[in-house]
Amino acid sequence: MGLPSAIRQQVIPVGEDSGMTEVPLLISISNKYEGRMSKINNLFVAFPQGMTPLEKGLCHFENTVQCNSVFGKGLSGYTCYQFDTDFLNQKHIMEMLMKSSIMCVLDIDEDTVLESGSKAVKNIKAYLNYSYEVTSKVSIEYTIWDQISADKSEGNLKGKCRCNNDQLLYSFCNEGKIPSCDIDSCSCVEDEEDLEFSGMSCVCEDNKPSDNNCGSGYTPDCLEEDFCGCVVDT
């Protein structure tokens, strides 16, 4: 927040004699961190006595507020204004705040600002509250637990199937039956045309698949005695 660069760090003559009773004020937001500001929740600006923001440029204030409630005790001689956040959160206004600045215009009361002197230094204070959004790309390596090998080690899989979160892991259903998933539960049911795994089957000869109707994403797997089942590709 500050004056335009052309008059920054200069003594600005104000008053009717100088012909300058209004002073421009630029407001911008600098982002020094990764991420982006997604929303301005509140923006309060405290002006010294004798400086009054005008409804010119891109300054849109909702109302005045008690300075102590925003800046704490000890801030006397100031008038605090609250910006219209609906206006600030417009996409094009946010872009101007982040990439350049928006301009306000201050009305200057010469007698109040100068306090009977010829020169005065005044500070303008601001309080900004915002929501910030940070995104990150994370690479995750994971291992799929070999549920089939574990089940095989526990006993015969004939007539059985297994599902995980409605995804079929394997089916060793008997002839004429197909798997049916219900979240993590699997049942071998009578084959019907309108079912998801209708027609799923395979045939093994000499412990090798000879006929594969497992469907896309599944591979035939031979058990003992040339019993065939369909296993999800991994």
Protein backbone atom coordinates (compact mmCIF):
# COMPACT_ATOMS: atom_id res chain seq x y z
CA MET A 1 0.00 0.00 0.00
CA GLY A 2 1.45 3.35 -0.95
CA LEU A 3 1.65 6.29 -3.31
CA PRO A 4 2.29 6.00 -7.06
CA SER A 5 6.02 5.73 -7.83
CA ALA A 6 6.08 9.15 -9.51
CA ILE A 7 5.41 10.94 -6.21
CA ARG A 8 6.68 8.35 -3.72
CA GLN A 9 9.25 9.58 -1.19
CA GLN A 10 8.40 13.18 -2.03
CA VAL A 11 6.79 15.93 -0.02
CA ILE A 12 3.29 16.32 -1.42
CA PRO A 13 1.88 19.85 -1.27
CA VAL A 14 -1.79 19.76 -0.30
CA GLY A 15 -4.48 22.34 0.12
CA GLU A 16 -6.38 24.75 -2.02
CA ASP A 17 -3.31 26.92 -2.59
CA SER A 18 -1.41 24.00 -4.12
CA GLY A 19 -4.39 22.89 -6.14
CA MET A 20 -4.10 19.39 -4.68
CA THR A 21 -6.77 18.40 -2.20
CA GLU A 22 -6.96 14.77 -3.34
CA VAL A 23 -4.14 12.21 -3.19
CA PRO A 24 -4.02 8.82 -4.98
CA LEU A 25 -3.37 5.69 -2.93
CA LEU A 26 -2.41 2.35 -4.47
CA ILE A 27 -3.25 -0.98 -2.84
CA SER A 28 -1.63 -4.25 -3.91
CA ILE A 29 -1.02 -7.69 -2.40
CA SER A 30 2.33 -9.45 -2.65
CA ASN A 31 2.44 -13.24 -2.50
CA LYS A 32 5.83 -14.45 -1.22
CA TYR A 33 4.84 -18.07 -0.73
CA GLU A 34 3.83 -21.08 -2.82
CA GLY A 35 0.11 -21.33 -3.43
CA ARG A 36 -2.48 -18.69 -4.08
CA MET A 37 -4.89 -16.47 -2.23
CA SER A 38 -8.32 -17.94 -2.88
CA LYS A 39 -10.49 -15.43 -1.01
CA ILE A 40 -10.25 -12.13 0.85
CA ASN A 41 -12.21 -12.45 4.08
CA ASN A 42 -11.62 -8.94 5.42
CA LEU A 43 -9.63 -5.86 4.49
CA PHE A 44 -9.61 -2.95 6.92
CA VAL A 45 -7.76 0.32 6.36
CA ALA A 46 -7.11 2.92 9.05
CA PHE A 47 -6.71 6.53 7.90
CA PRO A 48 -5.39 9.39 10.06
CA GLN A 49 -7.68 12.27 10.85
CA GLY A 50 -7.96 14.60 7.91
CA MET A 51 -7.77 11.82 5.31
CA THR A 52 -11.03 10.49 3.92
CA PRO A 53 -11.32 7.87 1.17
CA LEU A 54 -13.62 8.86 -1.65
CA GLU A 55 -15.86 6.61 -3.72
CA LYS A 56 -13.54 7.02 -6.67
CA GLY A 57 -11.29 4.65 -8.50
CA LEU A 58 -11.66 1.11 -7.19
CA CYS A 59 -12.19 1.85 -3.51
CA HIS A 60 -15.49 0.45 -2.34
CA PHE A 61 -16.04 0.57 1.41
CA GLU A 62 -18.91 -1.08 3.27
CA ASN A 63 -18.79 0.94 6.49
CA THR A 64 -16.60 2.35 9.23
CA VAL A 65 -15.63 0.19 12.20
CA GLN A 66 -14.13 0.62 15.63
CA CYS A 67 -10.36 0.71 15.13
CA ASN A 68 -9.64 -1.02 18.44
CA SER A 69 -11.67 -4.06 17.41
CA VAL A 70 -9.37 -4.59 14.43
CA PHE A 71 -5.96 -3.09 15.26
CA GLY A 72 -6.05 -3.32 19.04
CA LYS A 73 -5.89 -0.61 21.66
CA GLY A 74 -3.68 2.40 21.26
CA LEU A 75 -4.69 3.37 17.73
CA SER A 76 -6.18 6.81 18.37
CA GLY A 77 -6.77 9.57 15.88
CA TYR A 78 -7.67 7.18 13.11
CA THR A 79 -10.87 6.27 11.28
CA CYS A 80 -11.13 2.65 10.14
CA TYR A 81 -12.92 1.54 7.01
CA GLN A 82 -13.94 -1.94 5.91
CA PHE A 83 -13.62 -2.82 2.24
CA ASP A 84 -16.49 -4.41 0.34
CA THR A 85 -15.17 -8.00 0.09
CA ASP A 86 -17.74 -9.00 -2.54
CA PHE A 87 -16.19 -6.37 -4.75
CA LEU A 88 -12.60 -7.39 -3.92
CA ASN A 89 -13.24 -11.08 -4.59
CA GLN A 90 -14.26 -10.49 -8.17
CA LYS A 91 -11.80 -12.34 -10.38
CA HIS A 92 -10.52 -9.31 -12.28
CA ILE A 93 -10.11 -7.25 -9.09
CA MET A 94 -8.18 -10.07 -7.40
CA GLU A 95 -5.90 -10.29 -10.42
CA MET A 96 -5.27 -6.54 -10.29
CA LEU A 97 -4.44 -6.71 -6.58
CA MET A 98 -1.99 -9.58 -7.09
CA LYS A 99 -0.37 -8.48 -10.36
CA SER A 100 -0.47 -4.68 -10.14
CA SER A 101 -2.68 -2.57 -7.85
CA ILE A 102 -6.00 -0.84 -7.45
CA MET A 103 -6.22 2.91 -6.88
CA CYS A 104 -8.09 4.78 -4.19
CA VAL A 105 -8.44 8.53 -3.86
CA LEU A 106 -8.06 10.33 -0.53
CA ASP A 107 -9.58 13.69 0.28
CA ILE A 108 -7.09 15.75 2.29
CA ASP A 109 -8.16 18.31 4.88
CA GLU A 110 -5.12 20.61 5.01
CA ASP A 111 -5.71 22.08 8.46
CA THR A 112 -6.32 18.72 10.15
CA VAL A 113 -3.44 16.91 8.48
CA LEU A 114 -0.83 19.62 8.93
CA GLU A 115 -1.95 20.45 12.49
CA SER A 116 -0.95 24.13 12.13
CA GLY A 117 2.49 23.16 10.81
CA SER A 118 3.99 23.26 7.34
CA LYS A 119 4.80 19.56 7.03
CA ALA A 120 3.46 16.32 8.51
CA VAL A 121 4.19 12.59 8.22
CA LYS A 122 1.13 10.37 8.36
CA ASN A 123 0.85 6.57 8.39
CA ILE A 124 -1.95 4.54 6.89
CA LYS A 125 -2.47 1.11 8.41
CA ALA A 126 -4.08 -1.98 6.87
CA TYR A 127 -5.32 -5.33 8.14
CA LEU A 128 -5.88 -8.21 5.72
CA ASN A 129 -7.47 -11.57 6.48
CA TYR A 130 -7.61 -14.12 3.67
CA SER A 131 -8.00 -17.78 2.76
CA TYR A 132 -4.95 -19.39 1.19
CA GLU A 133 -4.82 -22.43 -1.04
CA VAL A 134 -1.78 -24.66 -1.46
CA THR A 135 -1.68 -27.67 -3.78
CA SER A 136 1.04 -30.26 -4.05
CA LYS A 137 1.75 -33.23 -6.30
CA VAL A 138 2.78 -36.30 -4.36
CA SER A 139 4.11 -39.52 -5.87
CA ILE A 140 2.97 -42.57 -3.92
CA GLU A 141 4.44 -46.00 -4.36
CA TYR A 142 2.23 -48.82 -3.17
CA THR A 143 2.16 -52.60 -3.22
CA ILE A 144 -0.97 -54.62 -3.82
CA TRP A 145 -1.22 -57.43 -1.32
CA ASP A 146 -1.38 -60.80 -3.08
CA GLN A 147 -4.75 -61.82 -1.66
CA ILE A 148 -4.98 -64.79 -4.06
CA SER A 149 -1.72 -66.36 -2.87
CA ALA A 150 -2.78 -65.87 0.74
CA ASP A 151 -6.16 -67.53 0.10
CA LYS A 152 -4.52 -70.38 -1.81
CA SER A 153 -2.24 -71.08 1.13
CA GLU A 154 -5.26 -71.38 3.42
CA GLY A 155 -7.09 -74.00 1.40
CA ASN A 156 -9.16 -74.93 -1.63
CA LEU A 157 -10.57 -72.02 -3.67
CA LYS A 158 -13.02 -74.12 -5.68
CA GLY A 159 -16.49 -72.60 -5.65
CA LYS A 160 -15.25 -69.36 -4.11
CA CYS A 161 -14.66 -65.74 -5.16
CA ARG A 162 -13.40 -62.55 -3.53
CA CYS A 163 -14.24 -58.84 -3.96
CA ASN A 164 -12.64 -55.68 -2.63
CA ASN A 165 -14.66 -52.45 -2.65
CA ASP A 166 -16.94 -53.82 -5.39
CA GLN A 167 -13.98 -54.91 -7.52
CA LEU A 168 -13.70 -58.61 -8.29
CA LEU A 169 -10.26 -59.97 -7.34
CA TYR A 170 -10.82 -63.56 -8.42
CA SER A 171 -13.52 -66.07 -9.24
CA PHE A 172 -13.23 -69.82 -8.95
CA CYS A 173 -16.97 -70.36 -9.11
CA ASN A 174 -18.23 -73.79 -10.22
CA GLU A 175 -19.46 -74.35 -13.75
CA GLY A 176 -22.67 -72.46 -14.53
CA LYS A 177 -22.12 -69.89 -11.80
CA ILE A 178 -20.53 -66.45 -11.85
CA PRO A 179 -19.29 -64.05 -9.16
CA SER A 180 -21.45 -61.26 -7.70
CA CYS A 181 -19.86 -58.45 -5.66
CA ASP A 182 -21.42 -56.54 -2.77
CA ILE A 183 -18.68 -54.18 -1.57
CA ASP A 184 -16.22 -56.64 0.07
CA SER A 185 -18.53 -59.66 -0.07
CA CYS A 186 -18.58 -62.09 -3.00
CA SER A 187 -21.04 -64.86 -3.87
CA CYS A 188 -21.18 -67.39 -6.69
CA VAL A 189 -24.65 -67.08 -8.24
CA GLU A 190 -26.48 -68.62 -11.17
CA ASP A 191 -25.29 -67.13 -14.46
CA GLU A 192 -27.81 -64.76 -16.02
CA GLU A 193 -27.38 -62.46 -19.03
CA ASP A 194 -28.08 -59.21 -17.21
CA LEU A 195 -25.44 -59.75 -14.52
CA GLU A 196 -22.09 -57.94 -14.61
CA PHE A 197 -19.89 -61.02 -14.99
CA SER A 198 -22.26 -63.00 -17.19
CA GLY A 199 -20.41 -65.64 -19.20
CA MET A 200 -17.21 -65.40 -17.17
CA SER A 201 -15.50 -68.79 -17.40
CA CYS A 202 -12.33 -70.53 -18.48
CA VAL A 203 -11.04 -74.04 -19.13
CA CYS A 204 -7.73 -75.64 -18.22
CA GLU A 205 -6.06 -78.70 -19.70
CA ASP A 206 -2.88 -80.16 -18.23
CA ASN A 207 -2.80 -77.21 -15.83
CA LYS A 208 -2.74 -74.74 -18.74
CA PRO A 209 -5.60 -72.45 -19.88
CA SER A 210 -7.11 -73.67 -23.13
CA ASP A 211 -10.28 -71.56 -23.32
CA ASN A 212 -10.48 -68.06 -21.91
CA ASN A 213 -13.78 -66.22 -21.38
CA CYS A 214 -12.64 -64.31 -18.32
CA GLY A 215 -13.11 -60.96 -20.02
CA SER A 216 -11.06 -57.78 -20.16
CA GLY A 217 -8.87 -57.15 -17.12
CA TYR A 218 -8.85 -60.79 -15.97
CA THR A 219 -6.51 -63.71 -16.63
CA PRO A 220 -7.30 -67.46 -16.36
CA ASP A 221 -5.58 -69.33 -13.52
CA CYS A 222 -5.46 -73.11 -13.22
CA LEU A 223 -5.93 -74.87 -9.89
CA GLU A 224 -5.34 -78.53 -9.17
CA GLU A 225 -7.19 -81.09 -11.27
CA ASP A 226 -7.42 -78.62 -14.14
CA PHE A 227 -9.95 -76.41 -12.36
CA CYS A 228 -9.91 -72.92 -13.89
CA GLY A 229 -10.67 -69.52 -12.40
CA CYS A 230 -10.42 -65.87 -13.45
CA VAL A 231 -7.99 -63.56 -11.64
CA VAL A 232 -7.76 -59.76 -11.90
CA ASP A 233 -4.72 -58.46 -13.79
CA THR A 234 -2.06 -56.87 -11.58
